[in-house]
Structures are given as structure tokens and as C-alpha cells.
PDB file of N, CA and C in Angstrom:
ATOM      1  N   MET A   1       0.846  -1.186   0.000  1.00  0.00           N
ATOM      2  CA  MET A   1       0.000   0.000   0.000  1.00  0.00           C
ATOM      3  C   MET A   1       0.887   1.244   0.000  1.00  0.00           C
ATOM      4  N   ALA A   2       0.512   2.197  -0.788  1.00  0.00           N
ATOM      5  CA  ALA A   2       1.260   3.457  -0.864  1.00  0.00           C
ATOM      6  C   ALA A   2       1.067   4.260   0.413  1.00  0.00           C
ATOM      7  N   ASN A   3       2.026   5.069   0.730  1.00  0.00           N
ATOM      8  CA  ASN A   3       1.936   5.972   1.882  1.00  0.00           C
ATOM      9  C   ASN A   3       1.269   7.257   1.426  1.00  0.00           C
ATOM     10  N   THR A   4      -0.036   7.214   1.287  1.00  0.00           N
ATOM     11  CA  THR A   4      -0.791   8.340   0.771  1.00  0.00           C
ATOM     12  C   THR A   4      -1.892   8.709   1.750  1.00  0.00           C
ATOM     13  N   LEU A   5      -2.023   9.990   2.004  1.00  0.00           N
ATOM     14  CA  LEU A   5      -3.110  10.470   2.850  1.00  0.00           C
ATOM     15  C   LEU A   5      -4.373  10.627   2.023  1.00  0.00           C
ATOM     16  N   THR A   6      -5.495  10.410   2.650  1.00  0.00           N
ATOM     17  CA  THR A   6      -6.760  10.653   1.965  1.00  0.00           C
ATOM     18  C   THR A   6      -6.952  12.150   1.770  1.00  0.00           C
ATOM     19  N   THR A   7      -7.822  12.501   0.854  1.00  0.00           N
ATOM     20  CA  THR A   7      -8.129  13.912   0.640  1.00  0.00           C
ATOM     21  C   THR A   7      -8.679  14.539   1.913  1.00  0.00           C
ATOM     22  N   THR A   8      -9.475  13.808   2.646  1.00  0.00           N
ATOM     23  CA  THR A   8     -10.018  14.319   3.908  1.00  0.00           C
ATOM     24  C   THR A   8      -8.897  14.633   4.886  1.00  0.00           C
ATOM     25  N   ALA A   9      -7.910  13.771   4.991  1.00  0.00           N
ATOM     26  CA  ALA A   9      -6.778  14.011   5.887  1.00  0.00           C
ATOM     27  C   ALA A   9      -5.971  15.221   5.430  1.00  0.00           C
ATOM     28  N   ARG A  10      -5.729  15.344   4.124  1.00  0.00           N
ATOM     29  CA  ARG A  10      -4.980  16.498   3.608  1.00  0.00           C
ATOM     30  C   ARG A  10      -5.742  17.789   3.882  1.00  0.00           C
ATOM     31  N   ASN A  11      -7.036  17.787   3.659  1.00  0.00           N
ATOM     32  CA  ASN A  11      -7.840  18.987   3.932  1.00  0.00           C
ATOM     33  C   ASN A  11      -7.785  19.359   5.408  1.00  0.00           C
ATOM     34  N   THR A  12      -7.862  18.360   6.281  1.00  0.00           N
ATOM     35  CA  THR A  12      -7.802  18.608   7.724  1.00  0.00           C
ATOM     36  C   THR A  12      -6.480  19.256   8.108  1.00  0.00           C
ATOM     37  N   MET A  13      -5.379  18.730   7.576  1.00  0.00           N
ATOM     38  CA  MET A  13      -4.059  19.296   7.882  1.00  0.00           C
ATOM     39  C   MET A  13      -3.926  20.721   7.362  1.00  0.00           C
ATOM     40  N   LEU A  14      -4.375  20.964   6.131  1.00  0.00           N
ATOM     41  CA  LEU A  14      -4.282  22.304   5.566  1.00  0.00           C
ATOM     42  C   LEU A  14      -5.131  23.306   6.327  1.00  0.00           C
ATOM     43  N   ASP A  15      -6.329  22.899   6.726  1.00  0.00           N
ATOM     44  CA  ASP A  15      -7.177  23.805   7.500  1.00  0.00           C
ATOM     45  C   ASP A  15      -6.529  24.138   8.840  1.00  0.00           C
ATOM     46  N   ALA A  16      -5.905  23.162   9.486  1.00  0.00           N
ATOM     47  CA  ALA A  16      -5.220  23.413  10.758  1.00  0.00           C
ATOM     48  C   ALA A  16      -4.035  24.351  10.554  1.00  0.00           C
ATOM     49  N   LEU A  17      -3.252  24.119   9.515  1.00  0.00           N
ATOM     50  CA  LEU A  17      -2.116  25.000   9.232  1.00  0.00           C
ATOM     51  C   LEU A  17      -2.604  26.405   8.918  1.00  0.00           C
ATOM     52  N   GLY A  18      -3.698  26.497   8.162  1.00  0.00           N
ATOM     53  CA  GLY A  18      -4.236  27.798   7.795  1.00  0.00           C
ATOM     54  C   GLY A  18      -4.647  28.649   8.984  1.00  0.00           C
ATOM     55  N   THR A  19      -5.071  28.022  10.068  1.00  0.00           N
ATOM     56  CA  THR A  19      -5.437  28.808  11.251  1.00  0.00           C
ATOM     57  C   THR A  19      -4.203  29.355  11.956  1.00  0.00           C
ATOM     58  N   SER A  20      -3.050  28.725  11.776  1.00  0.00           N
ATOM     59  CA  SER A  20      -1.805  29.184  12.401  1.00  0.00           C
ATOM     60  C   SER A  20      -1.016  30.125  11.503  1.00  0.00           C
ATOM     61  N   ALA A  21      -1.052  29.893  10.205  1.00  0.00           N
ATOM     62  CA  ALA A  21      -0.257  30.665   9.245  1.00  0.00           C
ATOM     63  C   ALA A  21      -0.961  31.981   8.935  1.00  0.00           C
ATOM     64  N   ALA A  22      -0.957  32.878   9.914  1.00  0.00           N
ATOM     65  CA  ALA A  22      -1.730  34.109   9.826  1.00  0.00           C
ATOM     66  C   ALA A  22      -0.971  35.280   9.207  1.00  0.00           C
ATOM     67  N   TYR A  23       0.349  35.140   9.000  1.00  0.00           N
ATOM     68  CA  TYR A  23       1.150  36.247   8.473  1.00  0.00           C
ATOM     69  C   TYR A  23       2.123  35.751   7.422  1.00  0.00           C
ATOM     70  N   ALA A  24       2.206  36.490   6.329  1.00  0.00           N
ATOM     71  CA  ALA A  24       3.166  36.210   5.268  1.00  0.00           C
ATOM     72  C   ALA A  24       4.376  37.116   5.462  1.00  0.00           C
ATOM     73  N   SER A  25       5.551  36.586   5.128  1.00  0.00           N
ATOM     74  CA  SER A  25       6.798  37.330   5.243  1.00  0.00           C
ATOM     75  C   SER A  25       7.572  37.202   3.944  1.00  0.00           C
ATOM     76  N   LEU A  26       8.536  38.083   3.732  1.00  0.00           N
ATOM     77  CA  LEU A  26       9.415  38.026   2.571  1.00  0.00           C
ATOM     78  C   LEU A  26      10.843  37.790   3.042  1.00  0.00           C
ATOM     79  N   HIS A  27      11.615  37.054   2.238  1.00  0.00           N
ATOM     80  CA  HIS A  27      12.984  36.690   2.612  1.00  0.00           C
ATOM     81  C   HIS A  27      13.914  36.895   1.430  1.00  0.00           C
ATOM     82  N   THR A  28      15.124  37.356   1.724  1.00  0.00           N
ATOM     83  CA  THR A  28      16.113  37.641   0.691  1.00  0.00           C
ATOM     84  C   THR A  28      16.922  36.413   0.301  1.00  0.00           C
ATOM     85  N   ALA A  29      16.916  35.390   1.114  1.00  0.00           N
ATOM     86  CA  ALA A  29      17.621  34.133   0.857  1.00  0.00           C
ATOM     87  C   ALA A  29      16.889  33.035   1.616  1.00  0.00           C
ATOM     88  N   ASP A  30      17.352  31.807   1.479  1.00  0.00           N
ATOM     89  CA  ASP A  30      16.707  30.660   2.109  1.00  0.00           C
ATOM     90  C   ASP A  30      16.483  30.927   3.596  1.00  0.00           C
ATOM     91  N   PRO A  31      15.228  30.883   4.058  1.00  0.00           N
ATOM     92  CA  PRO A  31      14.937  31.143   5.470  1.00  0.00           C
ATOM     93  C   PRO A  31      15.211  29.959   6.387  1.00  0.00           C
ATOM     94  N   SER A  32      15.652  28.846   5.815  1.00  0.00           N
ATOM     95  CA  SER A  32      15.959  27.640   6.582  1.00  0.00           C
ATOM     96  C   SER A  32      14.720  27.215   7.376  1.00  0.00           C
ATOM     97  N   THR A  33      14.924  26.711   8.581  1.00  0.00           N
ATOM     98  CA  THR A  33      13.802  26.255   9.397  1.00  0.00           C
ATOM     99  C   THR A  33      13.414  27.254  10.481  1.00  0.00           C
ATOM    100  N   THR A  34      14.076  28.416  10.484  1.00  0.00           N
ATOM    101  CA  THR A  34      13.839  29.392  11.549  1.00  0.00           C
ATOM    102  C   THR A  34      13.284  30.732  11.065  1.00  0.00           C
ATOM    103  N   GLY A  35      13.235  30.955   9.754  1.00  0.00           N
ATOM    104  CA  GLY A  35      12.734  32.223   9.238  1.00  0.00           C
ATOM    105  C   GLY A  35      13.795  33.286   9.083  1.00  0.00           C
ATOM    106  N   THR A  36      15.067  32.866   8.977  1.00  0.00           N
ATOM    107  CA  THR A  36      16.157  33.833   8.810  1.00  0.00           C
ATOM    108  C   THR A  36      16.043  34.543   7.459  1.00  0.00           C
ATOM    109  N   ASN A  37      16.851  35.558   7.294  1.00  0.00           N
ATOM    110  CA  ASN A  37      16.946  36.334   6.056  1.00  0.00           C
ATOM    111  C   ASN A  37      15.655  37.072   5.702  1.00  0.00           C
ATOM    112  N   GLU A  38      14.865  37.419   6.729  1.00  0.00           N
ATOM    113  CA  GLU A  38      13.652  38.187   6.461  1.00  0.00           C
ATOM    114  C   GLU A  38      14.034  39.611   6.075  1.00  0.00           C
ATOM    115  N   VAL A  39      13.313  40.179   5.135  1.00  0.00           N
ATOM    116  CA  VAL A  39      13.531  41.558   4.705  1.00  0.00           C
ATOM    117  C   VAL A  39      13.390  42.485   5.907  1.00  0.00           C
ATOM    118  N   THR A  40      14.205  43.526   5.969  1.00  0.00           N
ATOM    119  CA  THR A  40      14.102  44.544   7.016  1.00  0.00           C
ATOM    120  C   THR A  40      14.336  45.921   6.405  1.00  0.00           C
ATOM    121  N   GLY A  41      13.870  46.947   7.100  1.00  0.00           N
ATOM    122  CA  GLY A  41      14.171  48.318   6.723  1.00  0.00           C
ATOM    123  C   GLY A  41      13.215  48.890   5.700  1.00  0.00           C
ATOM    124  N   GLY A  42      13.643  50.007   5.137  1.00  0.00           N
ATOM    125  CA  GLY A  42      12.854  50.705   4.140  1.00  0.00           C
ATOM    126  C   GLY A  42      12.051  51.834   4.736  1.00  0.00           C
ATOM    127  N   SER A  43      11.537  52.694   3.856  1.00  0.00           N
ATOM    128  CA  SER A  43      10.688  53.794   4.268  1.00  0.00           C
ATOM    129  C   SER A  43       9.680  54.054   3.152  1.00  0.00           C
ATOM    130  N   PRO A  44       8.419  53.625   3.315  1.00  0.00           N
ATOM    131  CA  PRO A  44       7.865  53.008   4.508  1.00  0.00           C
ATOM    132  C   PRO A  44       8.497  51.646   4.779  1.00  0.00           C
ATOM    133  N   ALA A  45       8.516  51.293   6.054  1.00  0.00           N
ATOM    134  CA  ALA A  45       9.219  50.092   6.490  1.00  0.00           C
ATOM    135  C   ALA A  45       8.495  48.811   6.084  1.00  0.00           C
ATOM    136  N   TYR A  46       9.293  47.798   5.768  1.00  0.00           N
ATOM    137  CA  TYR A  46       8.765  46.462   5.506  1.00  0.00           C
ATOM    138  C   TYR A  46       8.096  45.929   6.773  1.00  0.00           C
ATOM    139  N   ALA A  47       7.011  45.200   6.600  1.00  0.00           N
ATOM    140  CA  ALA A  47       6.349  44.504   7.704  1.00  0.00           C
ATOM    141  C   ALA A  47       5.642  43.275   7.140  1.00  0.00           C
ATOM    142  N   ARG A  48       5.510  42.258   7.957  1.00  0.00           N
ATOM    143  CA  ARG A  48       4.716  41.092   7.569  1.00  0.00           C
ATOM    144  C   ARG A  48       3.277  41.535   7.331  1.00  0.00           C
ATOM    145  N   LYS A  49       2.565  40.761   6.531  1.00  0.00           N
ATOM    146  CA  LYS A  49       1.171  41.076   6.211  1.00  0.00           C
ATOM    147  C   LYS A  49       0.270  39.932   6.641  1.00  0.00           C
ATOM    148  N   SER A  50      -0.896  40.286   7.144  1.00  0.00           N
ATOM    149  CA  SER A  50      -1.840  39.249   7.562  1.00  0.00           C
ATOM    150  C   SER A  50      -2.410  38.546   6.331  1.00  0.00           C
ATOM    151  N   VAL A  51      -2.705  37.285   6.525  1.00  0.00           N
ATOM    152  CA  VAL A  51      -3.261  36.477   5.451  1.00  0.00           C
ATOM    153  C   VAL A  51      -4.263  35.504   6.062  1.00  0.00           C
ATOM    154  N   SER A  52      -5.337  35.252   5.352  1.00  0.00           N
ATOM    155  CA  SER A  52      -6.311  34.253   5.795  1.00  0.00           C
ATOM    156  C   SER A  52      -6.538  33.296   4.636  1.00  0.00           C
ATOM    157  N   TRP A  53      -7.059  32.131   4.971  1.00  0.00           N
ATOM    158  CA  TRP A  53      -7.145  31.034   4.014  1.00  0.00           C
ATOM    159  C   TRP A  53      -8.566  30.530   3.870  1.00  0.00           C
ATOM    160  N   ASN A  54      -8.906  30.114   2.653  1.00  0.00           N
ATOM    161  CA  ASN A  54     -10.172  29.434   2.402  1.00  0.00           C
ATOM    162  C   ASN A  54     -10.113  28.029   2.986  1.00  0.00           C
ATOM    163  N   ALA A  55     -11.255  27.417   3.186  1.00  0.00           N
ATOM    164  CA  ALA A  55     -11.290  26.016   3.609  1.00  0.00           C
ATOM    165  C   ALA A  55     -10.669  25.167   2.509  1.00  0.00           C
ATOM    166  N   ALA A  56      -9.900  24.175   2.910  1.00  0.00           N
ATOM    167  CA  ALA A  56      -9.246  23.296   1.952  1.00  0.00           C
ATOM    168  C   ALA A  56     -10.264  22.445   1.215  1.00  0.00           C
ATOM    169  N   SER A  57      -9.947  22.169  -0.041  1.00  0.00           N
ATOM    170  CA  SER A  57     -10.785  21.317  -0.874  1.00  0.00           C
ATOM    171  C   SER A  57      -9.874  20.569  -1.835  1.00  0.00           C
ATOM    172  N   SER A  58     -10.081  19.294  -1.976  1.00  0.00           N
ATOM    173  CA  SER A  58      -9.263  18.457  -2.870  1.00  0.00           C
ATOM    174  C   SER A  58      -7.781  18.527  -2.513  1.00  0.00           C
ATOM    175  N   GLY A  59      -7.474  18.729  -1.224  1.00  0.00           N
ATOM    176  CA  GLY A  59      -6.092  18.754  -0.766  1.00  0.00           C
ATOM    177  C   GLY A  59      -5.356  20.037  -1.065  1.00  0.00           C
ATOM    178  N   THR A  60      -6.080  21.120  -1.364  1.00  0.00           N
ATOM    179  CA  THR A  60      -5.471  22.411  -1.699  1.00  0.00           C
ATOM    180  C   THR A  60      -6.242  23.524  -1.007  1.00  0.00           C
ATOM    181  N   THR A  61      -5.527  24.592  -0.661  1.00  0.00           N
ATOM    182  CA  THR A  61      -6.179  25.778  -0.132  1.00  0.00           C
ATOM    183  C   THR A  61      -5.530  27.010  -0.728  1.00  0.00           C
ATOM    184  N   LYS A  62      -6.263  28.112  -0.768  1.00  0.00           N
ATOM    185  CA  LYS A  62      -5.747  29.381  -1.272  1.00  0.00           C
ATOM    186  C   LYS A  62      -6.100  30.492  -0.295  1.00  0.00           C
ATOM    187  N   THR A  63      -5.390  31.604  -0.418  1.00  0.00           N
ATOM    188  CA  THR A  63      -5.686  32.742   0.438  1.00  0.00           C
ATOM    189  C   THR A  63      -7.041  33.330   0.082  1.00  0.00           C
ATOM    190  N   THR A  64      -7.668  33.934   1.070  1.00  0.00           N
ATOM    191  CA  THR A  64      -8.897  34.671   0.806  1.00  0.00           C
ATOM    192  C   THR A  64      -8.569  36.102   0.389  1.00  0.00           C
ATOM    193  N   SER A  65      -7.307  36.498   0.547  1.00  0.00           N
ATOM    194  CA  SER A  65      -6.866  37.844   0.192  1.00  0.00           C
ATOM    195  C   SER A  65      -6.782  37.978  -1.327  1.00  0.00           C
ATOM    196  N   ALA A  66      -7.204  39.114  -1.861  1.00  0.00           N
ATOM    197  CA  ALA A  66      -7.101  39.345  -3.298  1.00  0.00           C
ATOM    198  C   ALA A  66      -5.623  39.481  -3.675  1.00  0.00           C
ATOM    199  N   ASP A  67      -4.971  40.507  -3.242  1.00  0.00           N
ATOM    200  CA  ASP A  67      -3.539  40.726  -3.436  1.00  0.00           C
ATOM    201  C   ASP A  67      -2.959  41.142  -2.095  1.00  0.00           C
ATOM    202  N   ILE A  68      -1.716  40.799  -1.876  1.00  0.00           N
ATOM    203  CA  ILE A  68      -1.030  41.211  -0.654  1.00  0.00           C
ATOM    204  C   ILE A  68       0.178  42.031  -1.089  1.00  0.00           C
ATOM    205  N   THR A  69       0.251  43.292  -0.656  1.00  0.00           N
ATOM    206  CA  THR A  69       1.323  44.191  -1.078  1.00  0.00           C
ATOM    207  C   THR A  69       2.218  44.539   0.106  1.00  0.00           C
ATOM    208  N   PHE A  70       3.526  44.364  -0.094  1.00  0.00           N
ATOM    209  CA  PHE A  70       4.544  44.653   0.916  1.00  0.00           C
ATOM    210  C   PHE A  70       5.370  45.858   0.478  1.00  0.00           C
ATOM    211  N   ASP A  71       5.739  46.728   1.410  1.00  0.00           N
ATOM    212  CA  ASP A  71       6.754  47.750   1.161  1.00  0.00           C
ATOM    213  C   ASP A  71       8.106  47.077   1.370  1.00  0.00           C
ATOM    214  N   VAL A  72       9.039  47.285   0.440  1.00  0.00           N
ATOM    215  CA  VAL A  72      10.363  46.679   0.567  1.00  0.00           C
ATOM    216  C   VAL A  72      11.448  47.701   0.263  1.00  0.00           C
ATOM    217  N   PRO A  73      12.595  47.581   0.947  1.00  0.00           N
ATOM    218  CA  PRO A  73      13.750  48.418   0.631  1.00  0.00           C
ATOM    219  C   PRO A  73      14.476  47.824  -0.580  1.00  0.00           C
ATOM    220  N   ALA A  74      15.575  48.408  -0.972  1.00  0.00           N
ATOM    221  CA  ALA A  74      16.403  47.817  -2.015  1.00  0.00           C
ATOM    222  C   ALA A  74      16.856  46.440  -1.533  1.00  0.00           C
ATOM    223  N   CYS A  75      16.485  45.393  -2.261  1.00  0.00           N
ATOM    224  CA  CYS A  75      16.820  44.025  -1.886  1.00  0.00           C
ATOM    225  C   CYS A  75      16.371  43.083  -2.992  1.00  0.00           C
ATOM    226  N   THR A  76      16.627  41.801  -2.800  1.00  0.00           N
ATOM    227  CA  THR A  76      16.095  40.772  -3.682  1.00  0.00           C
ATOM    228  C   THR A  76      15.142  39.916  -2.869  1.00  0.00           C
ATOM    229  N   VAL A  77      13.917  39.800  -3.323  1.00  0.00           N
ATOM    230  CA  VAL A  77      12.933  38.934  -2.668  1.00  0.00           C
ATOM    231  C   VAL A  77      13.011  37.569  -3.346  1.00  0.00           C
ATOM    232  N   ALA A  78      13.300  36.535  -2.548  1.00  0.00           N
ATOM    233  CA  ALA A  78      13.487  35.196  -3.096  1.00  0.00           C
ATOM    234  C   ALA A  78      12.545  34.152  -2.496  1.00  0.00           C
ATOM    235  N   TYR A  79      11.985  34.432  -1.315  1.00  0.00           N
ATOM    236  CA  TYR A  79      11.103  33.475  -0.635  1.00  0.00           C
ATOM    237  C   TYR A  79       9.954  34.215   0.031  1.00  0.00           C
ATOM    238  N   VAL A  80       8.826  33.519   0.133  1.00  0.00           N
ATOM    239  CA  VAL A  80       7.689  33.978   0.920  1.00  0.00           C
ATOM    240  C   VAL A  80       7.539  32.989   2.067  1.00  0.00           C
ATOM    241  N   GLY A  81       7.469  33.519   3.293  1.00  0.00           N
ATOM    242  CA  GLY A  81       7.355  32.667   4.466  1.00  0.00           C
ATOM    243  C   GLY A  81       6.004  32.804   5.136  1.00  0.00           C
ATOM    244  N   LEU A  82       5.764  31.914   6.087  1.00  0.00           N
ATOM    245  CA  LEU A  82       4.532  31.939   6.872  1.00  0.00           C
ATOM    246  C   LEU A  82       4.888  31.942   8.348  1.00  0.00           C
ATOM    247  N   PHE A  83       4.307  32.878   9.090  1.00  0.00           N
ATOM    248  CA  PHE A  83       4.530  33.020  10.527  1.00  0.00           C
ATOM    249  C   PHE A  83       3.206  33.015  11.274  1.00  0.00           C
ATOM    250  N   THR A  84       3.287  32.774  12.577  1.00  0.00           N
ATOM    251  CA  THR A  84       2.095  32.796  13.425  1.00  0.00           C
ATOM    252  C   THR A  84       1.796  34.181  13.988  1.00  0.00           C
ATOM    253  N   ALA A  85       2.718  35.137  13.850  1.00  0.00           N
ATOM    254  CA  ALA A  85       2.522  36.450  14.469  1.00  0.00           C
ATOM    255  C   ALA A  85       3.124  37.553  13.603  1.00  0.00           C
ATOM    256  N   LEU A  86       2.661  38.768  13.838  1.00  0.00           N
ATOM    257  CA  LEU A  86       3.154  39.931  13.110  1.00  0.00           C
ATOM    258  C   LEU A  86       4.630  40.173  13.387  1.00  0.00           C
ATOM    259  N   THR A  87       5.035  40.034  14.636  1.00  0.00           N
ATOM    260  CA  THR A  87       6.449  40.124  15.000  1.00  0.00           C
ATOM    261  C   THR A  87       6.776  38.898  15.832  1.00  0.00           C
ATOM    262  N   ALA A  88       7.990  38.451  15.784  1.00  0.00           N
ATOM    263  CA  ALA A  88       8.420  37.221  16.460  1.00  0.00           C
ATOM    264  C   ALA A  88       7.537  36.082  15.978  1.00  0.00           C
ATOM    265  N   GLY A  89       6.905  35.330  16.870  1.00  0.00           N
ATOM    266  CA  GLY A  89       6.054  34.224  16.461  1.00  0.00           C
ATOM    267  C   GLY A  89       6.849  33.015  16.021  1.00  0.00           C
ATOM    268  N   THR A  90       6.139  32.014  15.542  1.00  0.00           N
ATOM    269  CA  THR A  90       6.745  30.767  15.083  1.00  0.00           C
ATOM    270  C   THR A  90       6.772  30.749  13.565  1.00  0.00           C
ATOM    271  N   PHE A  91       7.923  30.432  13.015  1.00  0.00           N
ATOM    272  CA  PHE A  91       8.080  30.288  11.571  1.00  0.00           C
ATOM    273  C   PHE A  91       7.541  28.919  11.163  1.00  0.00           C
ATOM    274  N   LEU A  92       6.661  28.887  10.162  1.00  0.00           N
ATOM    275  CA  LEU A  92       6.007  27.642   9.766  1.00  0.00           C
ATOM    276  C   LEU A  92       6.525  27.062   8.454  1.00  0.00           C
ATOM    277  N   GLY A  93       7.305  27.825   7.713  1.00  0.00           N
ATOM    278  CA  GLY A  93       7.841  27.335   6.449  1.00  0.00           C
ATOM    279  C   GLY A  93       7.834  28.414   5.397  1.00  0.00           C
ATOM    280  N   ALA A  94       8.388  28.076   4.220  1.00  0.00           N
ATOM    281  CA  ALA A  94       8.502  29.068   3.154  1.00  0.00           C
ATOM    282  C   ALA A  94       8.402  28.403   1.793  1.00  0.00           C
ATOM    283  N   PHE A  95       8.165  29.234   0.801  1.00  0.00           N
ATOM    284  CA  PHE A  95       8.077  28.817  -0.589  1.00  0.00           C
ATOM    285  C   PHE A  95       9.000  29.702  -1.396  1.00  0.00           C
ATOM    286  N   ASP A  96       9.786  29.103  -2.295  1.00  0.00           N
ATOM    287  CA  ASP A  96      10.623  29.945  -3.136  1.00  0.00           C
ATOM    288  C   ASP A  96       9.765  30.538  -4.243  1.00  0.00           C
ATOM    289  N   VAL A  97      10.102  31.759  -4.613  1.00  0.00           N
ATOM    290  CA  VAL A  97       9.407  32.474  -5.674  1.00  0.00           C
ATOM    291  C   VAL A  97      10.453  32.956  -6.662  1.00  0.00           C
ATOM    292  N   THR A  98      10.020  33.352  -7.829  1.00  0.00           N
ATOM    293  CA  THR A  98      10.952  33.918  -8.799  1.00  0.00           C
ATOM    294  C   THR A  98      11.564  35.170  -8.191  1.00  0.00           C
ATOM    295  N   ASP A  99      12.903  35.231  -8.162  1.00  0.00           N
ATOM    296  CA  ASP A  99      13.579  36.379  -7.562  1.00  0.00           C
ATOM    297  C   ASP A  99      13.095  37.682  -8.187  1.00  0.00           C
ATOM    298  N   GLU A 100      12.805  38.644  -7.327  1.00  0.00           N
ATOM    299  CA  GLU A 100      12.485  39.988  -7.783  1.00  0.00           C
ATOM    300  C   GLU A 100      13.477  40.932  -7.129  1.00  0.00           C
ATOM    301  N   ILE A 101      14.221  41.658  -7.964  1.00  0.00           N
ATOM    302  CA  ILE A 101      15.290  42.536  -7.495  1.00  0.00           C
ATOM    303  C   ILE A 101      14.777  43.969  -7.451  1.00  0.00           C
ATOM    304  N   PHE A 102      14.956  44.605  -6.299  1.00  0.00           N
ATOM    305  CA  PHE A 102      14.581  46.004  -6.121  1.00  0.00           C
ATOM    306  C   PHE A 102      15.860  46.820  -5.959  1.00  0.00           C
ATOM    307  N   ALA A 103      16.135  47.695  -6.912  1.00  0.00           N
ATOM    308  CA  ALA A 103      17.314  48.558  -6.844  1.00  0.00           C
ATOM    309  C   ALA A 103      17.092  49.704  -5.852  1.00  0.00           C
ATOM    310  N   ALA A 104      15.836  49.984  -5.555  1.00  0.00           N
ATOM    311  CA  ALA A 104      15.472  51.050  -4.618  1.00  0.00           C
ATOM    312  C   ALA A 104      14.175  50.632  -3.930  1.00  0.00           C
ATOM    313  N   GLN A 105      13.725  51.467  -2.991  1.00  0.00           N
ATOM    314  CA  GLN A 105      12.450  51.208  -2.297  1.00  0.00           C
ATOM    315  C   GLN A 105      11.354  50.924  -3.308  1.00  0.00           C
ATOM    316  N   GLY A 106      10.499  49.949  -2.999  1.00  0.00           N
ATOM    317  CA  GLY A 106       9.416  49.618  -3.904  1.00  0.00           C
ATOM    318  C   GLY A 106       8.344  48.815  -3.205  1.00  0.00           C
ATOM    319  N   THR A 107       7.475  48.190  -3.980  1.00  0.00           N
ATOM    320  CA  THR A 107       6.434  47.339  -3.422  1.00  0.00           C
ATOM    321  C   THR A 107       6.503  45.971  -4.094  1.00  0.00           C
ATOM    322  N   TYR A 108       6.316  44.946  -3.287  1.00  0.00           N
ATOM    323  CA  TYR A 108       6.271  43.562  -3.765  1.00  0.00           C
ATOM    324  C   TYR A 108       4.839  43.087  -3.586  1.00  0.00           C
ATOM    325  N   LYS A 109       4.252  42.590  -4.660  1.00  0.00           N
ATOM    326  CA  LYS A 109       2.855  42.176  -4.599  1.00  0.00           C
ATOM    327  C   LYS A 109       2.734  40.676  -4.836  1.00  0.00           C
ATOM    328  N   LEU A 110       2.051  40.012  -3.910  1.00  0.00           N
ATOM    329  CA  LEU A 110       1.650  38.623  -4.120  1.00  0.00           C
ATOM    330  C   LEU A 110       0.277  38.682  -4.754  1.00  0.00           C
ATOM    331  N   ASN A 111       0.205  38.337  -6.019  1.00  0.00           N
ATOM    332  CA  ASN A 111      -1.061  38.389  -6.732  1.00  0.00           C
ATOM    333  C   ASN A 111      -1.936  37.204  -6.364  1.00  0.00           C
ATOM    334  N   SER A 112      -3.216  37.422  -6.384  1.00  0.00           N
ATOM    335  CA  SER A 112      -4.143  36.358  -6.020  1.00  0.00           C
ATOM    336  C   SER A 112      -4.061  35.178  -6.980  1.00  0.00           C
ATOM    337  N   GLY A 113      -3.621  35.388  -8.204  1.00  0.00           N
ATOM    338  CA  GLY A 113      -3.558  34.311  -9.178  1.00  0.00           C
ATOM    339  C   GLY A 113      -2.166  33.745  -9.405  1.00  0.00           C
ATOM    340  N   SER A 114      -1.155  34.268  -8.709  1.00  0.00           N
ATOM    341  CA  SER A 114       0.200  33.767  -8.894  1.00  0.00           C
ATOM    342  C   SER A 114       0.965  33.926  -7.595  1.00  0.00           C
ATOM    343  N   GLY A 115       2.249  33.656  -7.630  1.00  0.00           N
ATOM    344  CA  GLY A 115       3.049  33.735  -6.407  1.00  0.00           C
ATOM    345  C   GLY A 115       2.576  32.690  -5.432  1.00  0.00           C
ATOM    346  N   ILE A 116       2.642  32.971  -4.151  1.00  0.00           N
ATOM    347  CA  ILE A 116       2.207  32.008  -3.139  1.00  0.00           C
ATOM    348  C   ILE A 116       0.794  32.361  -2.705  1.00  0.00           C
ATOM    349  N   THR A 117      -0.176  31.835  -3.410  1.00  0.00           N
ATOM    350  CA  THR A 117      -1.558  32.091  -3.068  1.00  0.00           C
ATOM    351  C   THR A 117      -2.202  30.904  -2.374  1.00  0.00           C
ATOM    352  N   GLY A 118      -1.509  29.801  -2.350  1.00  0.00           N
ATOM    353  CA  GLY A 118      -2.082  28.629  -1.709  1.00  0.00           C
ATOM    354  C   GLY A 118      -1.020  27.570  -1.482  1.00  0.00           C
ATOM    355  N   PHE A 119      -1.417  26.483  -0.847  1.00  0.00           N
ATOM    356  CA  PHE A 119      -0.481  25.391  -0.667  1.00  0.00           C
ATOM    357  C   PHE A 119      -1.228  24.072  -0.735  1.00  0.00           C
ATOM    358  N   THR A 120      -0.489  23.037  -1.038  1.00  0.00           N
ATOM    359  CA  THR A 120      -1.083  21.722  -1.265  1.00  0.00           C
ATOM    360  C   THR A 120      -0.409  20.687  -0.381  1.00  0.00           C
ATOM    361  N   ALA A 121      -1.148  19.805   0.194  1.00  0.00           N
ATOM    362  CA  ALA A 121      -0.603  18.674   0.937  1.00  0.00           C
ATOM    363  C   ALA A 121      -0.680  17.465   0.029  1.00  0.00           C
ATOM    364  N   SER A 122       0.417  16.729  -0.074  1.00  0.00           N
ATOM    365  CA  SER A 122       0.389  15.534  -0.925  1.00  0.00           C
ATOM    366  C   SER A 122       0.936  14.349  -0.179  1.00  0.00           C
TER     367      SER A 122
END
């Protein structure tokens, strides 16, 4: 027998994670298992953004947010992370995204139809 979770089990896990993964973060390099390399600085200053999730279906969930826009200083955004709190909190994991290089202060947008809009349990 394959080591496969049922769709019901995957949905249950995603819904539980979604209640904890309340904030999205941006990272300039691999955040490892602790959330390192988070973007800092800028004017207006970078800050994590709140995110909420739809109920999982077919082992997948997506954000209920249309777009999420971050203020960023000059940097390269390479990962989007998930945290339990606006500051400090527990790091829950990250997803690599296509690097976006900012030569000066700008805005990074997670579009509702691309970037990290959802996650899948398999």
C-alpha cells in the first residue's frame, strides 16, 4: 500500500495550518527552518502582512486575500514565508518564488492568481 493520505486528511491538515499561518513574510535568501533572512528596513518600512485562508478542498487551499502588497527596501525577494505572528512568532515554512530585485524602495505584490496564493498537501 502506498503511503498516501486521503483527501479528507490532507484537507484537515491544511485547514489546521491555515489557522496558524496568519502572516506572510518576505525573505532575501533561504529562510531555513527558523525564518532567517527576512527583509528589514525601508521607508515606509517592511512589515509582515496578515493572510487568511479558504477552507481546503481536494487537498489544496488558497488565500482569501485578493492581493497582498509589501513595502520593501532595495533588496532581492526570493522566498515567501509563513509566521504565526506579526512580530516574532513561530516560523512555519517558506516557498521559493521567482527572484524579484529592487534597486530602490518599492512594493512587492503577491497576486491572487500567482506567487504564493495557496499550498497543497500531498
